[in-house]
Amino acid sequence: MELLHRGKVREVYADGDDVILVASDRVSVYDVILPTPIPDKGAVLTQLSLWWFKQLGDLVPNHVISEDVPAEWAGRAVRCKRVQIVPVECIVRGYLAGHGLESYRESGTVSGIAFPPGLVEGSRLPEPVYTPSTKAEIGEHDELVTVDDVRTLVGPERTEELERLTLAIYGRGSEIARDRGVIVADTKVEFGTDADGTLLLADEVLTPDSSRFWLADEWKPGGPQNAFDKQVVRDWSSTVTDWDRTAPGPAIPDDVVRDTRQRYVDIYERITGERWSS
């Protein structure tokens, strides 16, 4: 098959009129792909996304056709419609963390939106907020942008549709997760348009790569949370003093690999209610 695109985590292959989206075990921090894979990561991302696509199907159509893929990719790949990806990372924040926290500390705003004063790390926001960013290529960094910037990029109608659907996805996802004892602190989703111009949910949705997951009964504003996503890799990487945050990245220690894999599996099981088998 022809390789159409290689991203930080996924490859896209052409297969006739369809594409095959393959999730690898690669992990990135600071937009740099690290040399150490996380076992089962690609399969968890794919299977959890497929579960979420079913939960969200009445809100927004998606690009998935089937799991009919070559045997060597079974479990971590999906057959999809060809789409033209919208060049915007659609982010919703329900709690203050990550880049949103950094921006708030600097200016009191995130993506041009003023947040209430006095918030701390892990604070719950009065309501979920749409804070888009650019979609960076490998080795480059996503940058927060305003809704006006998005409007200039894709037009007013598409901008309104992106915000409405992203907030709806977060609302449904956070409600389902909360019923299972999980907080979705924030999430990012991607959209694409098919040959008819229909907007489709694409790539992945509500996974440990695209979201911050915290346990509801452990949530305590004022500091870092016990995260069930790739935050454990981010935290480890911040302690590597002899790395300048550019490629190539450092190898991940075995204990961090094991911990990360277990957290990905745990969040899959908590949210879906299904036992993970690899």
Protein backbone atom coordinates (compact mmCIF):
# COMPACT_ATOMS: atom_id res chain seq x y z
CA MET A 1 0.00 0.00 0.00
CA GLU A 2 1.09 3.56 -0.61
CA LEU A 3 2.08 5.50 2.51
CA LEU A 4 0.23 8.81 2.28
CA HIS A 5 1.21 10.37 5.59
CA ARG A 6 3.27 9.58 8.66
CA GLY A 7 2.36 11.48 11.81
CA LYS A 8 3.77 11.42 15.30
CA VAL A 9 1.72 8.35 16.19
CA ARG A 10 -0.16 7.20 13.06
CA GLU A 11 0.47 6.26 9.45
CA VAL A 12 -2.12 6.62 6.71
CA TYR A 13 -2.04 4.19 3.78
CA ALA A 14 -4.04 4.28 0.56
CA ASP A 15 -6.18 1.22 -0.21
CA GLY A 16 -8.28 1.90 -3.29
CA ASP A 17 -10.87 4.54 -2.48
CA ASP A 18 -10.30 4.03 1.25
CA VAL A 19 -7.44 4.71 3.62
CA ILE A 20 -6.05 2.54 6.41
CA LEU A 21 -5.25 4.47 9.59
CA VAL A 22 -2.63 2.60 11.62
CA ALA A 23 -1.85 3.59 15.22
CA SER A 24 1.68 2.83 16.36
CA ASP A 25 3.12 2.46 19.86
CA ARG A 26 5.14 5.66 19.43
CA VAL A 27 4.85 8.42 22.01
CA SER A 28 5.79 12.08 21.71
CA VAL A 29 6.40 14.94 24.14
CA TYR A 30 7.17 18.55 23.26
CA ASP A 31 6.13 17.44 19.74
CA VAL A 32 9.21 15.17 19.59
CA ILE A 33 8.81 11.43 18.94
CA LEU A 34 10.71 9.49 21.60
CA PRO A 35 12.69 6.39 20.60
CA THR A 36 10.99 4.02 23.07
CA PRO A 37 7.57 2.53 22.22
CA ILE A 38 4.80 1.91 24.76
CA PRO A 39 3.51 -1.67 24.26
CA ASP A 40 -0.22 -1.92 23.35
CA LYS A 41 -0.52 1.86 23.07
CA GLY A 42 -1.61 1.87 19.43
CA ALA A 43 -4.20 -0.83 20.03
CA VAL A 44 -5.63 0.98 23.07
CA LEU A 45 -5.93 4.22 21.12
CA THR A 46 -7.70 2.47 18.24
CA GLN A 47 -10.08 0.36 20.32
CA LEU A 48 -11.00 3.20 22.68
CA SER A 49 -11.61 5.54 19.73
CA LEU A 50 -13.89 2.96 18.12
CA TRP A 51 -15.85 2.67 21.36
CA TRP A 52 -16.23 6.44 21.57
CA PHE A 53 -17.21 6.80 17.90
CA LYS A 54 -20.22 4.59 18.69
CA GLN A 55 -21.17 6.70 21.71
CA LEU A 56 -20.96 9.91 19.65
CA GLY A 57 -22.53 8.69 16.41
CA ASP A 58 -25.77 10.60 16.89
CA LEU A 59 -23.87 13.87 17.46
CA VAL A 60 -21.46 13.82 14.53
CA PRO A 61 -20.62 11.37 11.69
CA ASN A 62 -17.10 9.97 11.60
CA HIS A 63 -14.64 8.64 9.06
CA VAL A 64 -14.64 4.97 10.12
CA ILE A 65 -15.75 2.34 7.60
CA SER A 66 -14.72 -0.92 9.31
CA GLU A 67 -11.93 -2.86 11.01
CA ASP A 68 -11.28 -4.76 7.79
CA VAL A 69 -7.50 -4.26 7.62
CA PRO A 70 -4.44 -6.43 6.86
CA ALA A 71 -3.85 -9.07 9.54
CA GLU A 72 -0.57 -7.57 10.73
CA TRP A 73 -2.43 -4.39 11.73
CA ALA A 74 -5.44 -6.07 13.33
CA GLY A 75 -6.59 -4.34 16.51
CA ARG A 76 -4.65 -1.14 15.93
CA ALA A 77 -5.90 0.00 12.54
CA VAL A 78 -9.20 1.02 10.94
CA ARG A 79 -10.42 1.40 7.39
CA CYS A 80 -11.63 4.96 6.86
CA LYS A 81 -13.08 7.33 4.33
CA ARG A 82 -10.67 9.71 2.67
CA VAL A 83 -11.03 13.16 4.20
CA GLN A 84 -9.40 16.54 3.86
CA ILE A 85 -8.27 17.34 7.40
CA VAL A 86 -9.34 20.75 8.72
CA PRO A 87 -6.07 22.48 9.76
CA VAL A 88 -7.23 23.24 13.30
CA GLU A 89 -6.78 21.37 16.58
CA CYS A 90 -10.18 21.68 18.23
CA ILE A 91 -9.61 21.78 21.98
CA VAL A 92 -12.10 21.99 24.85
CA ARG A 93 -10.97 22.65 28.40
CA GLY A 94 -13.16 21.86 31.38
CA TYR A 95 -10.30 22.15 33.88
CA LEU A 96 -7.09 24.16 33.97
CA ALA A 97 -3.95 22.22 33.02
CA GLY A 98 -1.18 21.95 30.44
CA HIS A 99 -0.78 24.71 27.87
CA GLY A 100 -3.99 26.30 29.11
CA LEU A 101 -2.52 26.66 32.60
CA GLU A 102 0.71 28.12 31.19
CA SER A 103 -1.20 30.68 29.13
CA TYR A 104 -3.45 31.59 32.06
CA ARG A 105 -0.48 32.16 34.34
CA GLU A 106 1.11 34.45 31.76
CA SER A 107 -1.89 36.54 30.75
CA GLY A 108 -5.07 35.39 32.49
CA THR A 109 -6.34 34.28 29.08
CA VAL A 110 -6.36 31.16 26.91
CA SER A 111 -6.78 31.51 23.13
CA GLY A 112 -7.82 35.12 23.68
CA ILE A 113 -10.54 34.19 26.20
CA ALA A 114 -10.32 35.73 29.68
CA PHE A 115 -10.57 33.14 32.44
CA PRO A 116 -11.77 34.01 35.98
CA PRO A 117 -9.08 35.28 38.38
CA GLY A 118 -7.76 33.11 41.19
CA LEU A 119 -7.71 29.78 39.35
CA VAL A 120 -5.04 27.22 40.23
CA GLU A 121 -3.72 24.10 38.55
CA GLY A 122 -6.54 21.59 38.27
CA SER A 123 -9.33 24.14 38.85
CA ARG A 124 -12.67 23.34 37.29
CA LEU A 125 -13.75 26.08 34.90
CA PRO A 126 -17.23 27.63 35.25
CA GLU A 127 -18.10 25.99 31.93
CA PRO A 128 -16.17 24.14 29.22
CA VAL A 129 -14.29 26.53 26.93
CA TYR A 130 -13.29 26.06 23.28
CA THR A 131 -9.61 26.99 22.84
CA PRO A 132 -8.36 26.02 19.37
CA SER A 133 -4.75 25.71 18.29
CA THR A 134 -2.76 25.30 15.11
CA LYS A 135 -2.07 21.81 13.79
CA ALA A 136 1.70 21.48 13.68
CA GLU A 137 3.81 19.23 11.51
CA ILE A 138 6.28 16.77 13.08
CA GLY A 139 9.02 18.67 14.92
CA GLU A 140 6.99 21.87 15.12
CA HIS A 141 4.81 23.06 17.98
CA ASP A 142 1.06 23.63 18.16
CA GLU A 143 0.21 27.24 19.02
CA LEU A 144 -2.96 28.45 20.69
CA VAL A 145 -5.03 30.69 18.41
CA THR A 146 -8.24 32.68 18.79
CA VAL A 147 -11.60 31.84 17.29
CA ASP A 148 -11.13 34.91 15.08
CA ASP A 149 -7.94 33.31 13.72
CA VAL A 150 -9.88 30.14 12.92
CA ARG A 151 -12.59 32.20 11.25
CA THR A 152 -9.99 33.75 8.97
CA LEU A 153 -8.58 30.30 8.19
CA VAL A 154 -11.76 28.31 7.45
CA GLY A 155 -14.60 30.86 7.30
CA PRO A 156 -17.35 31.82 9.77
CA GLU A 157 -19.79 28.96 9.14
CA ARG A 158 -17.17 26.25 9.46
CA THR A 159 -15.72 27.93 12.55
CA GLU A 160 -19.11 27.93 14.26
CA GLU A 161 -19.66 24.27 13.31
CA LEU A 162 -16.26 23.23 14.68
CA GLU A 163 -16.87 24.93 18.01
CA ARG A 164 -20.42 23.59 18.38
CA LEU A 165 -19.45 20.00 17.60
CA THR A 166 -16.30 20.05 19.73
CA LEU A 167 -18.22 21.29 22.76
CA ALA A 168 -20.93 18.68 22.14
CA ILE A 169 -18.34 15.88 21.95
CA TYR A 170 -16.71 17.04 25.17
CA GLY A 171 -20.08 17.35 26.89
CA ARG A 172 -21.16 13.83 25.97
CA GLY A 173 -17.74 12.34 26.64
CA SER A 174 -17.24 13.99 30.02
CA GLU A 175 -20.73 12.94 31.14
CA ILE A 176 -20.13 9.30 30.21
CA ALA A 177 -16.67 9.31 31.78
CA ARG A 178 -17.89 10.95 34.98
CA ASP A 179 -20.44 8.14 35.42
CA ARG A 180 -17.43 5.81 35.42
CA GLY A 181 -15.46 7.86 37.95
CA VAL A 182 -13.27 9.62 35.40
CA ILE A 183 -12.81 13.36 34.78
CA VAL A 184 -12.02 14.50 31.24
CA ALA A 185 -10.01 17.59 32.07
CA ASP A 186 -9.55 18.57 28.43
CA THR A 187 -9.56 16.99 25.02
CA LYS A 188 -8.69 17.76 21.43
CA VAL A 189 -10.39 16.42 18.33
CA GLU A 190 -9.83 16.67 14.60
CA PHE A 191 -12.29 16.98 11.76
CA GLY A 192 -12.09 16.37 8.05
CA THR A 193 -14.36 16.87 5.07
CA ASP A 194 -15.30 14.11 2.65
CA ALA A 195 -15.74 14.44 -1.12
CA ASP A 196 -19.21 15.94 -0.59
CA GLY A 197 -17.92 18.54 1.87
CA THR A 198 -19.53 16.84 4.89
CA LEU A 199 -17.69 17.46 8.15
CA LEU A 200 -16.59 14.20 9.80
CA LEU A 201 -14.95 13.44 13.13
CA ALA A 202 -11.55 11.97 12.23
CA ASP A 203 -8.31 10.54 13.61
CA GLU A 204 -8.95 9.62 17.28
CA VAL A 205 -11.34 10.73 19.98
CA LEU A 206 -11.20 10.88 23.79
CA THR A 207 -8.05 8.77 24.13
CA PRO A 208 -5.13 9.05 26.57
CA ASP A 209 -3.14 10.72 23.77
CA SER A 210 -5.75 13.36 22.99
CA SER A 211 -7.19 13.96 26.46
CA ARG A 212 -6.30 14.41 30.10
CA PHE A 213 -8.01 11.83 32.31
CA TRP A 214 -8.14 12.15 36.10
CA LEU A 215 -9.87 10.00 38.71
CA ALA A 216 -12.86 11.88 40.09
CA ASP A 217 -12.41 10.67 43.66
CA GLU A 218 -8.78 11.86 43.70
CA TRP A 219 -9.26 15.27 42.07
CA LYS A 220 -7.90 18.09 44.20
CA PRO A 221 -7.21 21.55 42.69
CA GLY A 222 -3.93 23.24 43.54
CA GLY A 223 -1.35 20.96 42.00
CA PRO A 224 -0.69 18.13 39.56
CA GLN A 225 -3.34 15.43 39.31
CA ASN A 226 -2.93 11.66 39.13
CA ALA A 227 -3.24 11.41 35.36
CA PHE A 228 -4.25 8.36 33.31
CA ASP A 229 -2.78 9.49 30.01
CA LYS A 230 0.68 10.33 28.71
CA GLN A 231 1.26 12.88 31.49
CA VAL A 232 3.52 10.34 33.20
CA VAL A 233 5.85 10.56 30.18
CA ARG A 234 5.64 14.36 30.18
CA ASP A 235 6.51 14.41 33.90
CA TRP A 236 9.49 12.10 33.42
CA SER A 237 10.75 14.07 30.42
CA SER A 238 10.71 17.30 32.44
CA THR A 239 13.33 15.78 34.74
CA VAL A 240 15.77 15.04 31.89
CA THR A 241 18.16 17.95 32.31
CA ASP A 242 20.52 17.17 29.43
CA TRP A 243 17.83 17.26 26.71
CA ASP A 244 17.04 20.49 24.85
CA ARG A 245 13.50 19.37 23.83
CA THR A 246 14.49 18.79 20.21
CA ALA A 247 14.88 15.55 18.25
CA PRO A 248 16.21 13.02 18.90
CA GLY A 249 14.57 12.52 22.27
CA PRO A 250 15.91 10.40 25.12
CA ALA A 251 15.00 6.75 25.70
CA ILE A 252 12.20 6.18 28.21
CA PRO A 253 13.16 4.13 31.29
CA ASP A 254 11.54 0.70 31.68
CA ASP A 255 9.55 1.66 34.78
CA VAL A 256 8.03 4.68 33.01
CA VAL A 257 7.14 2.49 30.02
CA ARG A 258 5.38 -0.04 32.28
CA ASP A 259 3.54 2.66 34.22
CA THR A 260 2.39 4.41 31.05
CA ARG A 261 1.13 1.19 29.46
CA GLN A 262 -0.77 0.27 32.62
CA ARG A 263 -2.44 3.68 32.79
CA TYR A 264 -3.56 3.43 29.16
CA VAL A 265 -5.02 -0.01 29.82
CA ASP A 266 -6.64 1.12 33.09
CA ILE A 267 -8.42 4.06 31.49
CA TYR A 268 -9.65 1.84 28.65
CA GLU A 269 -11.13 -0.60 31.16
CA ARG A 270 -12.62 2.10 33.39
CA ILE A 271 -14.36 3.89 30.54
CA THR A 272 -15.54 0.95 28.44
CA GLY A 273 -16.19 -1.49 31.25
CA GLU A 274 -14.40 -4.11 29.15
CA ARG A 275 -11.35 -6.10 30.15
CA TRP A 276 -8.28 -5.40 28.03
CA SER A 277 -6.73 -8.35 26.25
CA SER A 278 -3.64 -7.93 24.08
